[in-house]
Amino acid sequence: VRVGVDAANSQLVILEDANDNGIADVGERVRRVTLESGVTFARGAAPAFPGLGAGPVSFTRTLNGLPAMIFHRDGSSAEYGGLYLTSTVALGAGIATDTRAIDVTRATSRVTRYTYQSGAWVREN
């Protein structure tokens, strides 16, 4: 399964990539999930989370040209990486505390969410 991040359209593109070629072929299931109104892929005013870098998405694999997380049948993912989410209000106002860092561990595909509070990244789950 590939989950592409379409930051420009505030969407996740989910592909059940049966032949593992990184593109949506005829017969492969594709779903688009739009973020809630007022939420965007961005780091905003928060500092970079360790290992994720400054951009909104750190994955180097792709899905139809979009950065993507790749989840394998054995429960692992193709690479370590993550993304940032923040509110459009916070983005415009320079507020760091609305920002979330989503961190994906390669070996287990475990997703951990962090929020920026009081000058530090704090684990939420």
N, C-alpha and C. Protein backbone atom coordinates (compact mmCIF):
# COMPACT_ATOMS: atom_id res chain seq x y z
N VAL A 1 0.85 -1.18 0.00
CA VAL A 1 0.00 0.00 0.00
C VAL A 1 0.89 1.23 0.00
N ARG A 2 0.60 2.15 -0.90
CA ARG A 2 1.31 3.44 -0.94
C ARG A 2 0.34 4.54 -0.54
N VAL A 3 0.84 5.43 0.31
CA VAL A 3 0.04 6.57 0.74
C VAL A 3 0.80 7.82 0.31
N GLY A 4 0.32 8.44 -0.75
CA GLY A 4 0.94 9.65 -1.28
C GLY A 4 0.41 10.88 -0.58
N VAL A 5 1.27 11.88 -0.45
CA VAL A 5 0.89 13.14 0.19
C VAL A 5 0.82 14.22 -0.88
N ASP A 6 -0.40 14.64 -1.16
CA ASP A 6 -0.65 15.71 -2.12
C ASP A 6 -0.84 17.00 -1.32
N ALA A 7 0.28 17.64 -0.96
CA ALA A 7 0.24 18.83 -0.11
C ALA A 7 -0.51 19.97 -0.78
N ALA A 8 -0.37 20.12 -2.08
CA ALA A 8 -1.03 21.22 -2.80
C ALA A 8 -2.54 21.15 -2.70
N ASN A 9 -3.10 19.95 -2.64
CA ASN A 9 -4.56 19.78 -2.57
C ASN A 9 -5.03 19.31 -1.19
N SER A 10 -4.12 19.29 -0.20
CA SER A 10 -4.44 18.85 1.17
C SER A 10 -5.11 17.48 1.17
N GLN A 11 -4.49 16.52 0.45
CA GLN A 11 -5.06 15.19 0.35
C GLN A 11 -4.02 14.10 0.56
N LEU A 12 -4.51 12.95 1.04
CA LEU A 12 -3.74 11.72 1.02
C LEU A 12 -4.30 10.89 -0.13
N VAL A 13 -3.42 10.27 -0.91
CA VAL A 13 -3.82 9.40 -2.01
C VAL A 13 -3.39 8.00 -1.62
N ILE A 14 -4.34 7.10 -1.46
CA ILE A 14 -4.06 5.75 -0.99
C ILE A 14 -4.22 4.77 -2.15
N LEU A 15 -3.14 4.04 -2.44
CA LEU A 15 -3.14 3.10 -3.56
C LEU A 15 -2.81 1.70 -3.06
N GLU A 16 -3.65 0.74 -3.42
CA GLU A 16 -3.34 -0.67 -3.20
C GLU A 16 -2.57 -1.10 -4.45
N ASP A 17 -1.24 -0.97 -4.40
CA ASP A 17 -0.35 -1.15 -5.55
C ASP A 17 0.02 -2.63 -5.71
N ALA A 18 -0.85 -3.38 -6.34
CA ALA A 18 -0.69 -4.83 -6.45
C ALA A 18 0.60 -5.25 -7.13
N ASN A 19 1.07 -4.49 -8.13
CA ASN A 19 2.29 -4.88 -8.84
C ASN A 19 3.52 -4.07 -8.40
N ASP A 20 3.37 -3.23 -7.38
CA ASP A 20 4.48 -2.49 -6.75
C ASP A 20 5.29 -1.67 -7.76
N ASN A 21 4.58 -1.00 -8.69
CA ASN A 21 5.31 -0.19 -9.67
C ASN A 21 5.23 1.31 -9.38
N GLY A 22 4.53 1.69 -8.30
CA GLY A 22 4.49 3.08 -7.88
C GLY A 22 3.52 3.97 -8.62
N ILE A 23 2.69 3.39 -9.49
CA ILE A 23 1.67 4.18 -10.17
C ILE A 23 0.34 3.44 -10.11
N ALA A 24 -0.72 4.19 -10.24
CA ALA A 24 -2.06 3.59 -10.20
C ALA A 24 -2.39 3.02 -11.56
N ASP A 25 -2.43 1.70 -11.64
CA ASP A 25 -2.78 1.01 -12.87
C ASP A 25 -4.26 0.64 -12.86
N VAL A 26 -4.78 0.31 -14.04
CA VAL A 26 -6.16 -0.12 -14.17
C VAL A 26 -6.39 -1.32 -13.25
N GLY A 27 -7.47 -1.27 -12.48
CA GLY A 27 -7.82 -2.38 -11.60
C GLY A 27 -7.28 -2.24 -10.18
N GLU A 28 -6.36 -1.31 -9.94
CA GLU A 28 -5.84 -1.10 -8.59
C GLU A 28 -6.68 -0.05 -7.88
N ARG A 29 -7.03 -0.34 -6.64
CA ARG A 29 -7.91 0.54 -5.87
C ARG A 29 -7.16 1.80 -5.43
N VAL A 30 -7.75 2.97 -5.69
CA VAL A 30 -7.20 4.26 -5.31
C VAL A 30 -8.28 5.05 -4.57
N ARG A 31 -7.87 5.64 -3.46
CA ARG A 31 -8.78 6.49 -2.68
C ARG A 31 -8.10 7.81 -2.39
N ARG A 32 -8.84 8.90 -2.40
CA ARG A 32 -8.33 10.21 -2.00
C ARG A 32 -9.05 10.63 -0.73
N VAL A 33 -8.27 11.05 0.27
CA VAL A 33 -8.82 11.50 1.52
C VAL A 33 -8.38 12.96 1.72
N THR A 34 -9.33 13.86 1.77
CA THR A 34 -9.03 15.28 1.94
C THR A 34 -8.95 15.62 3.42
N LEU A 35 -7.94 16.41 3.78
CA LEU A 35 -7.82 16.86 5.17
C LEU A 35 -9.02 17.74 5.52
N GLU A 36 -9.32 17.80 6.80
CA GLU A 36 -10.41 18.66 7.26
C GLU A 36 -10.12 20.11 6.89
N SER A 37 -11.16 20.89 6.74
CA SER A 37 -11.02 22.31 6.44
C SER A 37 -10.17 22.97 7.53
N GLY A 38 -9.23 23.78 7.13
CA GLY A 38 -8.39 24.48 8.09
C GLY A 38 -7.14 23.74 8.50
N VAL A 39 -6.90 22.55 7.91
CA VAL A 39 -5.71 21.75 8.22
C VAL A 39 -4.88 21.64 6.95
N THR A 40 -3.56 21.76 7.10
CA THR A 40 -2.68 21.69 5.94
C THR A 40 -1.39 20.94 6.27
N PHE A 41 -0.72 20.44 5.24
CA PHE A 41 0.58 19.80 5.41
C PHE A 41 1.63 20.91 5.48
N ALA A 42 2.12 21.20 6.67
CA ALA A 42 3.14 22.23 6.85
C ALA A 42 3.68 22.16 8.27
N ARG A 43 4.90 22.67 8.45
CA ARG A 43 5.53 22.71 9.77
C ARG A 43 5.21 24.01 10.48
N GLY A 44 4.89 25.04 9.75
CA GLY A 44 4.58 26.32 10.35
C GLY A 44 5.75 26.89 11.13
N ALA A 45 5.47 27.47 12.29
CA ALA A 45 6.48 28.14 13.11
C ALA A 45 7.25 27.19 14.02
N ALA A 46 6.85 25.94 14.09
CA ALA A 46 7.55 24.98 14.96
C ALA A 46 8.90 24.61 14.36
N PRO A 47 9.89 24.32 15.20
CA PRO A 47 11.18 23.87 14.66
C PRO A 47 11.04 22.46 14.09
N ALA A 48 11.99 22.08 13.26
CA ALA A 48 11.96 20.74 12.66
C ALA A 48 12.05 19.66 13.73
N PHE A 49 11.27 18.61 13.54
CA PHE A 49 11.34 17.44 14.42
C PHE A 49 12.61 16.67 14.06
N PRO A 50 13.35 16.14 15.04
CA PRO A 50 14.59 15.42 14.75
C PRO A 50 14.39 14.29 13.73
N GLY A 51 15.12 14.35 12.64
CA GLY A 51 15.08 13.32 11.62
C GLY A 51 14.07 13.54 10.51
N LEU A 52 13.13 14.47 10.68
CA LEU A 52 12.12 14.69 9.64
C LEU A 52 12.47 15.81 8.68
N GLY A 53 13.35 16.70 9.05
CA GLY A 53 13.71 17.80 8.17
C GLY A 53 12.69 18.92 8.21
N ALA A 54 12.91 19.93 7.38
CA ALA A 54 12.12 21.15 7.43
C ALA A 54 10.87 21.11 6.56
N GLY A 55 10.88 20.31 5.49
CA GLY A 55 9.74 20.29 4.56
C GLY A 55 8.52 19.63 5.16
N PRO A 56 7.37 19.78 4.53
CA PRO A 56 6.15 19.21 5.07
C PRO A 56 6.12 17.68 5.06
N VAL A 57 6.90 17.05 4.15
CA VAL A 57 6.92 15.59 4.02
C VAL A 57 8.37 15.16 3.79
N SER A 58 8.81 14.12 4.51
CA SER A 58 10.20 13.69 4.36
C SER A 58 10.38 12.40 3.56
N PHE A 59 9.31 11.79 3.10
CA PHE A 59 9.43 10.53 2.35
C PHE A 59 10.04 10.78 0.98
N THR A 60 10.94 9.89 0.56
CA THR A 60 11.59 10.03 -0.74
C THR A 60 10.98 9.12 -1.79
N ARG A 61 10.23 8.11 -1.38
CA ARG A 61 9.54 7.23 -2.33
C ARG A 61 8.36 8.01 -2.90
N THR A 62 7.79 7.54 -4.00
CA THR A 62 6.73 8.32 -4.65
C THR A 62 5.52 7.47 -5.05
N LEU A 63 4.45 8.19 -5.30
CA LEU A 63 3.22 7.64 -5.88
C LEU A 63 2.76 8.66 -6.90
N ASN A 64 2.88 8.32 -8.17
CA ASN A 64 2.52 9.25 -9.25
C ASN A 64 3.17 10.62 -9.06
N GLY A 65 4.43 10.63 -8.63
CA GLY A 65 5.17 11.87 -8.45
C GLY A 65 5.03 12.53 -7.10
N LEU A 66 4.13 12.03 -6.24
CA LEU A 66 3.94 12.59 -4.90
C LEU A 66 4.82 11.84 -3.90
N PRO A 67 5.36 12.55 -2.88
CA PRO A 67 6.07 11.82 -1.83
C PRO A 67 5.11 10.83 -1.18
N ALA A 68 5.60 9.62 -0.87
CA ALA A 68 4.69 8.59 -0.39
C ALA A 68 5.32 7.68 0.66
N MET A 69 4.48 7.23 1.58
CA MET A 69 4.83 6.17 2.52
C MET A 69 4.46 4.86 1.83
N ILE A 70 5.32 3.86 1.96
CA ILE A 70 5.03 2.56 1.38
C ILE A 70 4.98 1.55 2.52
N PHE A 71 3.85 0.88 2.65
CA PHE A 71 3.66 -0.11 3.70
C PHE A 71 3.65 -1.50 3.07
N HIS A 72 4.53 -2.39 3.58
CA HIS A 72 4.64 -3.75 3.04
C HIS A 72 3.71 -4.72 3.78
N ARG A 73 3.47 -5.86 3.16
CA ARG A 73 2.60 -6.89 3.75
C ARG A 73 3.11 -7.42 5.07
N ASP A 74 4.44 -7.38 5.29
CA ASP A 74 5.01 -7.89 6.53
C ASP A 74 4.92 -6.90 7.69
N GLY A 75 4.30 -5.75 7.46
CA GLY A 75 4.12 -4.77 8.52
C GLY A 75 5.17 -3.68 8.56
N SER A 76 6.20 -3.81 7.75
CA SER A 76 7.25 -2.79 7.72
C SER A 76 6.90 -1.71 6.70
N SER A 77 7.67 -0.64 6.73
CA SER A 77 7.52 0.39 5.70
C SER A 77 8.84 0.52 4.95
N ALA A 78 8.80 1.17 3.81
CA ALA A 78 9.97 1.24 2.94
C ALA A 78 11.09 2.11 3.48
N GLU A 79 10.75 3.08 4.32
CA GLU A 79 11.76 3.98 4.85
C GLU A 79 11.24 4.67 6.10
N TYR A 80 12.18 5.21 6.88
CA TYR A 80 11.81 6.04 8.01
C TYR A 80 11.42 7.41 7.45
N GLY A 81 10.44 8.04 8.04
CA GLY A 81 10.07 9.38 7.60
C GLY A 81 8.85 9.88 8.32
N GLY A 82 8.29 10.95 7.81
CA GLY A 82 7.11 11.52 8.43
C GLY A 82 6.63 12.75 7.71
N LEU A 83 5.72 13.43 8.37
CA LEU A 83 5.13 14.63 7.81
C LEU A 83 4.66 15.54 8.94
N TYR A 84 4.36 16.76 8.57
CA TYR A 84 3.84 17.76 9.52
C TYR A 84 2.43 18.15 9.12
N LEU A 85 1.60 18.42 10.13
CA LEU A 85 0.27 18.97 9.95
C LEU A 85 0.14 20.19 10.85
N THR A 86 -0.54 21.21 10.37
CA THR A 86 -0.82 22.38 11.20
C THR A 86 -2.11 23.01 10.72
N SER A 87 -2.60 23.96 11.48
CA SER A 87 -3.81 24.66 11.07
C SER A 87 -3.44 25.83 10.15
N THR A 88 -4.34 26.17 9.26
CA THR A 88 -4.08 27.31 8.37
C THR A 88 -4.04 28.61 9.17
N VAL A 89 -4.79 28.69 10.25
CA VAL A 89 -4.76 29.88 11.12
C VAL A 89 -3.37 30.02 11.74
N ALA A 90 -2.84 28.94 12.30
CA ALA A 90 -1.51 28.97 12.92
C ALA A 90 -0.44 29.26 11.89
N LEU A 91 -0.60 28.74 10.70
CA LEU A 91 0.38 28.95 9.64
C LEU A 91 0.48 30.44 9.31
N GLY A 92 -0.67 31.09 9.21
CA GLY A 92 -0.69 32.52 8.90
C GLY A 92 -0.26 33.41 10.05
N ALA A 93 -0.47 32.93 11.28
CA ALA A 93 -0.18 33.75 12.46
C ALA A 93 1.15 33.42 13.12
N GLY A 94 1.85 32.41 12.61
CA GLY A 94 3.14 32.04 13.20
C GLY A 94 3.02 31.35 14.55
N ILE A 95 1.94 30.60 14.76
CA ILE A 95 1.71 29.89 16.01
C ILE A 95 2.26 28.47 15.88
N ALA A 96 3.20 28.10 16.74
CA ALA A 96 3.85 26.79 16.65
C ALA A 96 3.06 25.67 17.30
N THR A 97 2.22 25.98 18.28
CA THR A 97 1.58 24.94 19.08
C THR A 97 0.46 24.18 18.36
N ASP A 98 0.06 24.60 17.19
CA ASP A 98 -0.93 23.83 16.41
C ASP A 98 -0.27 22.75 15.55
N THR A 99 1.05 22.73 15.51
CA THR A 99 1.76 21.82 14.61
C THR A 99 1.90 20.43 15.21
N ARG A 100 1.70 19.42 14.36
CA ARG A 100 1.89 18.03 14.73
C ARG A 100 2.94 17.42 13.81
N ALA A 101 3.79 16.59 14.37
CA ALA A 101 4.75 15.81 13.58
C ALA A 101 4.29 14.36 13.62
N ILE A 102 4.16 13.75 12.46
CA ILE A 102 3.76 12.35 12.35
C ILE A 102 5.00 11.57 11.93
N ASP A 103 5.45 10.66 12.77
CA ASP A 103 6.71 9.93 12.60
C ASP A 103 6.40 8.46 12.32
N VAL A 104 6.94 7.91 11.22
CA VAL A 104 6.70 6.51 10.85
C VAL A 104 8.01 5.73 10.99
N THR A 105 8.00 4.68 11.83
CA THR A 105 9.17 3.83 12.03
C THR A 105 9.25 2.79 10.92
N ARG A 106 10.41 2.60 10.35
CA ARG A 106 10.57 1.71 9.21
C ARG A 106 10.28 0.24 9.53
N ALA A 107 10.85 -0.29 10.59
CA ALA A 107 10.77 -1.73 10.86
C ALA A 107 9.34 -2.21 11.15
N THR A 108 8.53 -1.38 11.78
CA THR A 108 7.20 -1.81 12.20
C THR A 108 6.06 -0.98 11.62
N SER A 109 6.37 0.08 10.91
CA SER A 109 5.38 1.04 10.40
C SER A 109 4.60 1.72 11.52
N ARG A 110 5.13 1.66 12.72
CA ARG A 110 4.45 2.33 13.84
C ARG A 110 4.41 3.83 13.58
N VAL A 111 3.23 4.41 13.76
CA VAL A 111 3.03 5.84 13.58
C VAL A 111 2.92 6.48 14.95
N THR A 112 3.76 7.48 15.20
CA THR A 112 3.75 8.19 16.47
C THR A 112 3.51 9.67 16.18
N ARG A 113 2.64 10.27 16.97
CA ARG A 113 2.29 11.67 16.77
C ARG A 113 2.89 12.52 17.88
N TYR A 114 3.46 13.65 17.49
CA TYR A 114 4.04 14.60 18.43
C TYR A 114 3.40 15.96 18.24
N THR A 115 3.28 16.72 19.31
CA THR A 115 2.80 18.09 19.24
C THR A 115 3.88 19.01 19.80
N TYR A 116 3.93 20.21 19.30
CA TYR A 116 4.93 21.16 19.78
C TYR A 116 4.31 21.99 20.89
N GLN A 117 4.84 21.84 22.11
CA GLN A 117 4.31 22.53 23.29
C GLN A 117 5.45 23.09 24.13
N SER A 118 5.30 24.29 24.60
CA SER A 118 6.25 24.90 25.54
C SER A 118 7.71 24.74 25.10
N GLY A 119 7.97 24.91 23.83
CA GLY A 119 9.33 24.88 23.32
C GLY A 119 9.92 23.51 23.07
N ALA A 120 9.10 22.45 23.07
CA ALA A 120 9.62 21.10 22.85
C ALA A 120 8.58 20.22 22.15
N TRP A 121 9.06 19.21 21.42
CA TRP A 121 8.17 18.22 20.82
C TRP A 121 7.78 17.21 21.90
N VAL A 122 6.49 16.95 22.06
CA VAL A 122 5.98 16.05 23.08
C VAL A 122 5.19 14.93 22.41
N ARG A 123 5.51 13.69 22.78
CA ARG A 123 4.82 12.52 22.21
C ARG A 123 3.38 12.50 22.69
N GLU A 124 2.44 12.22 21.75
CA GLU A 124 1.02 12.20 22.09
C GLU A 124 0.44 10.83 22.29
N ASN A 125 1.00 9.79 21.66
CA ASN A 125 0.36 8.47 21.80
C ASN A 125 1.29 7.44 22.34
